[in-house]
PDB file of N, CA and C in Angstrom:
ATOM      1  N   MET A   1       0.841  -1.187   0.000  1.00  0.00           N
ATOM      2  CA  MET A   1       0.000   0.000   0.000  1.00  0.00           C
ATOM      3  C   MET A   1       0.876   1.237   0.000  1.00  0.00           C
ATOM      4  N   ARG A   2       0.470   2.237  -0.731  1.00  0.00           N
ATOM      5  CA  ARG A   2       1.220   3.479  -0.850  1.00  0.00           C
ATOM      6  C   ARG A   2       1.164   4.283   0.441  1.00  0.00           C
ATOM      7  N   LYS A   3       2.268   4.932   0.758  1.00  0.00           N
ATOM      8  CA  LYS A   3       2.322   5.760   1.952  1.00  0.00           C
ATOM      9  C   LYS A   3       2.571   7.207   1.568  1.00  0.00           C
ATOM     10  N   ILE A   4       1.965   8.113   2.296  1.00  0.00           N
ATOM     11  CA  ILE A   4       2.206   9.543   2.120  1.00  0.00           C
ATOM     12  C   ILE A   4       2.664  10.075   3.465  1.00  0.00           C
ATOM     13  N   GLY A   5       3.850  10.624   3.498  1.00  0.00           N
ATOM     14  CA  GLY A   5       4.384  11.168   4.741  1.00  0.00           C
ATOM     15  C   GLY A   5       4.475  10.135   5.847  1.00  0.00           C
ATOM     16  N   GLY A   6       4.724   8.872   5.505  1.00  0.00           N
ATOM     17  CA  GLY A   6       4.858   7.830   6.500  1.00  0.00           C
ATOM     18  C   GLY A   6       3.528   7.278   6.993  1.00  0.00           C
ATOM     19  N   VAL A   7       2.406   7.782   6.438  1.00  0.00           N
ATOM     20  CA  VAL A   7       1.090   7.323   6.875  1.00  0.00           C
ATOM     21  C   VAL A   7       0.502   6.417   5.801  1.00  0.00           C
ATOM     22  N   ASN A   8       0.034   5.285   6.200  1.00  0.00           N
ATOM     23  CA  ASN A   8      -0.563   4.338   5.273  1.00  0.00           C
ATOM     24  C   ASN A   8      -1.872   4.914   4.734  1.00  0.00           C
ATOM     25  N   MET A   9      -2.102   4.795   3.418  1.00  0.00           N
ATOM     26  CA  MET A   9      -3.301   5.352   2.795  1.00  0.00           C
ATOM     27  C   MET A   9      -4.571   4.677   3.308  1.00  0.00           C
ATOM     28  N   ASN A  10      -4.482   3.417   3.692  1.00  0.00           N
ATOM     29  CA  ASN A  10      -5.655   2.747   4.261  1.00  0.00           C
ATOM     30  C   ASN A  10      -6.096   3.419   5.545  1.00  0.00           C
ATOM     31  N   THR A  11      -5.146   3.855   6.348  1.00  0.00           N
ATOM     32  CA  THR A  11      -5.465   4.535   7.598  1.00  0.00           C
ATOM     33  C   THR A  11      -6.186   5.846   7.320  1.00  0.00           C
ATOM     34  N   ILE A  12      -5.702   6.603   6.355  1.00  0.00           N
ATOM     35  CA  ILE A  12      -6.340   7.870   6.005  1.00  0.00           C
ATOM     36  C   ILE A  12      -7.758   7.623   5.496  1.00  0.00           C
ATOM     37  N   ALA A  13      -7.918   6.641   4.629  1.00  0.00           N
ATOM     38  CA  ALA A  13      -9.235   6.337   4.064  1.00  0.00           C
ATOM     39  C   ALA A  13     -10.211   5.906   5.151  1.00  0.00           C
ATOM     40  N   ARG A  14      -9.728   5.127   6.096  1.00  0.00           N
ATOM     41  CA  ARG A  14     -10.610   4.635   7.158  1.00  0.00           C
ATOM     42  C   ARG A  14     -11.080   5.780   8.047  1.00  0.00           C
ATOM     43  N   PHE A  15     -10.179   6.715   8.375  1.00  0.00           N
ATOM     44  CA  PHE A  15     -10.551   7.810   9.269  1.00  0.00           C
ATOM     45  C   PHE A  15     -11.371   8.890   8.575  1.00  0.00           C
ATOM     46  N   THR A  16     -11.059   9.193   7.343  1.00  0.00           N
ATOM     47  CA  THR A  16     -11.759  10.286   6.659  1.00  0.00           C
ATOM     48  C   THR A  16     -12.923   9.816   5.811  1.00  0.00           C
ATOM     49  N   GLY A  17     -12.824   8.613   5.266  1.00  0.00           N
ATOM     50  CA  GLY A  17     -13.857   8.117   4.378  1.00  0.00           C
ATOM     51  C   GLY A  17     -13.820   8.767   3.012  1.00  0.00           C
ATOM     52  N   LYS A  18     -12.780   9.557   2.724  1.00  0.00           N
ATOM     53  CA  LYS A  18     -12.701  10.305   1.469  1.00  0.00           C
ATOM     54  C   LYS A  18     -11.850   9.636   0.408  1.00  0.00           C
ATOM     55  N   LEU A  19     -10.927   8.799   0.794  1.00  0.00           N
ATOM     56  CA  LEU A  19      -9.972   8.254  -0.159  1.00  0.00           C
ATOM     57  C   LEU A  19     -10.223   6.785  -0.471  1.00  0.00           C
ATOM     58  N   THR A  20     -11.454   6.383  -0.499  1.00  0.00           N
ATOM     59  CA  THR A  20     -11.749   4.996  -0.802  1.00  0.00           C
ATOM     60  C   THR A  20     -11.878   4.801  -2.307  1.00  0.00           C
ATOM     61  N   LYS A  21     -11.668   3.581  -2.767  1.00  0.00           N
ATOM     62  CA  LYS A  21     -11.745   3.294  -4.191  1.00  0.00           C
ATOM     63  C   LYS A  21     -13.145   3.556  -4.743  1.00  0.00           C
ATOM     64  N   GLU A  22     -14.162   3.343  -3.930  1.00  0.00           N
ATOM     65  CA  GLU A  22     -15.531   3.526  -4.397  1.00  0.00           C
ATOM     66  C   GLU A  22     -15.830   4.988  -4.711  1.00  0.00           C
ATOM     67  N   LYS A  23     -15.133   5.903  -4.051  1.00  0.00           N
ATOM     68  CA  LYS A  23     -15.428   7.322  -4.212  1.00  0.00           C
ATOM     69  C   LYS A  23     -14.485   8.028  -5.187  1.00  0.00           C
ATOM     70  N   THR A  24     -13.546   7.323  -5.769  1.00  0.00           N
ATOM     71  CA  THR A  24     -12.632   7.960  -6.703  1.00  0.00           C
ATOM     72  C   THR A  24     -13.319   8.140  -8.047  1.00  0.00           C
ATOM     73  N   ALA A  25     -12.923   9.185  -8.770  1.00  0.00           N
ATOM     74  CA  ALA A  25     -13.506   9.473 -10.075  1.00  0.00           C
ATOM     75  C   ALA A  25     -12.999   8.473 -11.111  1.00  0.00           C
ATOM     76  N   LYS A  26     -13.847   8.129 -12.035  1.00  0.00           N
ATOM     77  CA  LYS A  26     -13.456   7.210 -13.101  1.00  0.00           C
ATOM     78  C   LYS A  26     -12.694   7.977 -14.164  1.00  0.00           C
ATOM     79  N   ARG A  27     -11.716   7.337 -14.783  1.00  0.00           N
ATOM     80  CA  ARG A  27     -10.959   7.949 -15.872  1.00  0.00           C
ATOM     81  C   ARG A  27     -11.819   7.991 -17.116  1.00  0.00           C
ATOM     82  N   TYR A  28     -11.692   9.066 -17.903  1.00  0.00           N
ATOM     83  CA  TYR A  28     -12.465   9.176 -19.137  1.00  0.00           C
ATOM     84  C   TYR A  28     -11.870   8.309 -20.245  1.00  0.00           C
ATOM     85  N   CYS A  29     -10.596   7.922 -20.089  1.00  0.00           N
ATOM     86  CA  CYS A  29      -9.969   7.007 -21.032  1.00  0.00           C
ATOM     87  C   CYS A  29      -8.849   6.265 -20.304  1.00  0.00           C
ATOM     88  N   SER A  30      -8.374   5.209 -20.919  1.00  0.00           N
ATOM     89  CA  SER A  30      -7.306   4.440 -20.286  1.00  0.00           C
ATOM     90  C   SER A  30      -5.974   5.180 -20.445  1.00  0.00           C
ATOM     91  N   ILE A  31      -4.997   4.760 -19.704  1.00  0.00           N
ATOM     92  CA  ILE A  31      -3.676   5.367 -19.785  1.00  0.00           C
ATOM     93  C   ILE A  31      -3.088   5.157 -21.174  1.00  0.00           C
ATOM     94  N   CYS A  32      -3.313   3.979 -21.731  1.00  0.00           N
ATOM     95  CA  CYS A  32      -2.810   3.661 -23.068  1.00  0.00           C
ATOM     96  C   CYS A  32      -3.425   4.599 -24.113  1.00  0.00           C
ATOM     97  N   GLU A  33      -4.732   4.822 -24.039  1.00  0.00           N
ATOM     98  CA  GLU A  33      -5.408   5.721 -24.977  1.00  0.00           C
ATOM     99  C   GLU A  33      -4.895   7.153 -24.837  1.00  0.00           C
ATOM    100  N   SER A  34      -4.668   7.576 -23.609  1.00  0.00           N
ATOM    101  CA  SER A  34      -4.164   8.918 -23.362  1.00  0.00           C
ATOM    102  C   SER A  34      -2.763   9.091 -23.943  1.00  0.00           C
ATOM    103  N   LEU A  35      -1.919   8.097 -23.767  1.00  0.00           N
ATOM    104  CA  LEU A  35      -0.561   8.151 -24.294  1.00  0.00           C
ATOM    105  C   LEU A  35      -0.570   8.184 -25.821  1.00  0.00           C
ATOM    106  N   LYS A  36      -1.415   7.348 -26.444  1.00  0.00           N
ATOM    107  CA  LYS A  36      -1.512   7.348 -27.901  1.00  0.00           C
ATOM    108  C   LYS A  36      -1.941   8.707 -28.435  1.00  0.00           C
ATOM    109  N   ALA A  37      -2.924   9.344 -27.778  1.00  0.00           N
ATOM    110  CA  ALA A  37      -3.395  10.661 -28.205  1.00  0.00           C
ATOM    111  C   ALA A  37      -2.282  11.705 -28.061  1.00  0.00           C
ATOM    112  N   SER A  38      -1.525  11.631 -26.977  1.00  0.00           N
ATOM    113  CA  SER A  38      -0.422  12.571 -26.768  1.00  0.00           C
ATOM    114  C   SER A  38       0.656  12.407 -27.832  1.00  0.00           C
ATOM    115  N   LEU A  39       0.982  11.164 -28.165  1.00  0.00           N
ATOM    116  CA  LEU A  39       1.997  10.921 -29.185  1.00  0.00           C
ATOM    117  C   LEU A  39       1.538  11.406 -30.561  1.00  0.00           C
ATOM    118  N   LYS A  40       0.244  11.280 -30.856  1.00  0.00           N
ATOM    119  CA  LYS A  40      -0.283  11.801 -32.115  1.00  0.00           C
ATOM    120  C   LYS A  40      -0.151  13.320 -32.169  1.00  0.00           C
ATOM    121  N   GLU A  41      -0.452  13.995 -31.023  1.00  0.00           N
ATOM    122  CA  GLU A  41      -0.320  15.452 -30.965  1.00  0.00           C
ATOM    123  C   GLU A  41       1.124  15.883 -31.171  1.00  0.00           C
ATOM    124  N   VAL A  42       2.065  15.188 -30.558  1.00  0.00           N
ATOM    125  CA  VAL A  42       3.484  15.521 -30.708  1.00  0.00           C
ATOM    126  C   VAL A  42       3.920  15.344 -32.161  1.00  0.00           C
ATOM    127  N   LYS A  43       3.476  14.268 -32.784  1.00  0.00           N
ATOM    128  CA  LYS A  43       3.820  14.019 -34.185  1.00  0.00           C
ATOM    129  C   LYS A  43       3.284  15.137 -35.081  1.00  0.00           C
ATOM    130  N   LEU A  44       2.019  15.540 -34.889  1.00  0.00           N
ATOM    131  CA  LEU A  44       1.436  16.619 -35.681  1.00  0.00           C
ATOM    132  C   LEU A  44       2.152  17.944 -35.425  1.00  0.00           C
ATOM    133  N   HIS A  45       2.559  18.173 -34.179  1.00  0.00           N
ATOM    134  CA  HIS A  45       3.283  19.402 -33.835  1.00  0.00           C
ATOM    135  C   HIS A  45       4.640  19.442 -34.533  1.00  0.00           C
ATOM    136  N   LYS A  46       5.343  18.312 -34.544  1.00  0.00           N
ATOM    137  CA  LYS A  46       6.651  18.254 -35.202  1.00  0.00           C
ATOM    138  C   LYS A  46       6.525  18.457 -36.707  1.00  0.00           C
ATOM    139  N   GLU A  47       5.406  18.004 -37.281  1.00  0.00           N
ATOM    140  CA  GLU A  47       5.171  18.188 -38.707  1.00  0.00           C
ATOM    141  C   GLU A  47       4.678  19.596 -39.034  1.00  0.00           C
ATOM    142  N   GLY A  48       4.388  20.391 -38.006  1.00  0.00           N
ATOM    143  CA  GLY A  48       3.944  21.768 -38.210  1.00  0.00           C
ATOM    144  C   GLY A  48       2.465  21.892 -38.535  1.00  0.00           C
ATOM    145  N   LYS A  49       1.699  20.855 -38.287  1.00  0.00           N
ATOM    146  CA  LYS A  49       0.275  20.876 -38.614  1.00  0.00           C
ATOM    147  C   LYS A  49      -0.581  21.484 -37.505  1.00  0.00           C
ATOM    148  N   ILE A  50      -0.106  21.433 -36.262  1.00  0.00           N
ATOM    149  CA  ILE A  50      -0.826  22.057 -35.148  1.00  0.00           C
ATOM    150  C   ILE A  50       0.157  22.855 -34.308  1.00  0.00           C
ATOM    151  N   HIS A  51      -0.390  23.825 -33.565  1.00  0.00           N
ATOM    152  CA  HIS A  51       0.428  24.638 -32.658  1.00  0.00           C
ATOM    153  C   HIS A  51       0.045  24.283 -31.230  1.00  0.00           C
ATOM    154  N   LEU A  52       1.028  23.919 -30.440  1.00  0.00           N
ATOM    155  CA  LEU A  52       0.794  23.627 -29.038  1.00  0.00           C
ATOM    156  C   LEU A  52       1.262  24.811 -28.210  1.00  0.00           C
ATOM    157  N   ASP A  53       0.421  25.256 -27.276  1.00  0.00           N
ATOM    158  CA  ASP A  53       0.769  26.387 -26.430  1.00  0.00           C
ATOM    159  C   ASP A  53       1.876  26.011 -25.446  1.00  0.00           C
ATOM    160  N   THR A  54       2.667  26.993 -25.080  1.00  0.00           N
ATOM    161  CA  THR A  54       3.703  26.795 -24.074  1.00  0.00           C
ATOM    162  C   THR A  54       3.110  27.093 -22.701  1.00  0.00           C
ATOM    163  N   TRP A  55       3.879  26.797 -21.645  1.00  0.00           N
ATOM    164  CA  TRP A  55       3.423  27.117 -20.292  1.00  0.00           C
ATOM    165  C   TRP A  55       3.245  28.616 -20.139  1.00  0.00           C
ATOM    166  N   ASP A  56       4.113  29.412 -20.751  1.00  0.00           N
ATOM    167  CA  ASP A  56       3.987  30.864 -20.670  1.00  0.00           C
ATOM    168  C   ASP A  56       2.677  31.339 -21.284  1.00  0.00           C
ATOM    169  N   ASP A  57       2.310  30.772 -22.434  1.00  0.00           N
ATOM    170  CA  ASP A  57       1.032  31.109 -23.068  1.00  0.00           C
ATOM    171  C   ASP A  57      -0.133  30.743 -22.157  1.00  0.00           C
ATOM    172  N   PHE A  58      -0.048  29.586 -21.542  1.00  0.00           N
ATOM    173  CA  PHE A  58      -1.105  29.126 -20.641  1.00  0.00           C
ATOM    174  C   PHE A  58      -1.243  30.055 -19.434  1.00  0.00           C
ATOM    175  N   LEU A  59      -0.116  30.464 -18.851  1.00  0.00           N
ATOM    176  CA  LEU A  59      -0.159  31.348 -17.688  1.00  0.00           C
ATOM    177  C   LEU A  59      -0.707  32.726 -18.057  1.00  0.00           C
ATOM    178  N   GLU A  60      -0.352  33.228 -19.228  1.00  0.00           N
ATOM    179  CA  GLU A  60      -0.900  34.508 -19.683  1.00  0.00           C
ATOM    180  C   GLU A  60      -2.410  34.422 -19.861  1.00  0.00           C
ATOM    181  N   GLU A  61      -2.880  33.315 -20.412  1.00  0.00           N
ATOM    182  CA  GLU A  61      -4.308  33.124 -20.588  1.00  0.00           C
ATOM    183  C   GLU A  61      -5.035  33.070 -19.245  1.00  0.00           C
ATOM    184  N   LEU A  62      -4.427  32.415 -18.259  1.00  0.00           N
ATOM    185  CA  LEU A  62      -5.012  32.371 -16.930  1.00  0.00           C
ATOM    186  C   LEU A  62      -5.106  33.758 -16.316  1.00  0.00           C
ATOM    187  N   LYS A  63      -4.065  34.565 -16.482  1.00  0.00           N
ATOM    188  CA  LYS A  63      -4.079  35.928 -15.939  1.00  0.00           C
ATOM    189  C   LYS A  63      -5.170  36.758 -16.589  1.00  0.00           C
ATOM    190  N   LYS A  64      -5.365  36.594 -17.907  1.00  0.00           N
ATOM    191  CA  LYS A  64      -6.414  37.326 -18.617  1.00  0.00           C
ATOM    192  C   LYS A  64      -7.800  36.901 -18.111  1.00  0.00           C
ATOM    193  N   ASP A  65      -7.965  35.615 -17.840  1.00  0.00           N
ATOM    194  CA  ASP A  65      -9.257  35.112 -17.355  1.00  0.00           C
ATOM    195  C   ASP A  65      -9.578  35.626 -15.953  1.00  0.00           C
ATOM    196  N   GLU A  66      -8.543  35.840 -15.136  1.00  0.00           N
ATOM    197  CA  GLU A  66      -8.751  36.338 -13.778  1.00  0.00           C
ATOM    198  C   GLU A  66      -9.232  37.772 -13.784  1.00  0.00           C
ATOM    199  N   GLU A  67      -8.842  38.551 -14.776  1.00  0.00           N
ATOM    200  CA  GLU A  67      -9.204  39.972 -14.824  1.00  0.00           C
ATOM    201  C   GLU A  67     -10.563  40.209 -15.345  1.00  0.00           C
TER     202      GLU A  67
END
């Protein structure tokens, strides 16, 4: 079982009731599907067919949305 800060996750789940498997959100796709989609995006970006934003672009957009 995974530990966070030396505390067993089962202990946290038992005391809080928040971290149980039944209450976790379901993934919209599998890890394999997500990886395949990411690799397709990288390939298209390298070919110059799509533009991917940088972290700086993303942060600027967030600042504009806050205002």
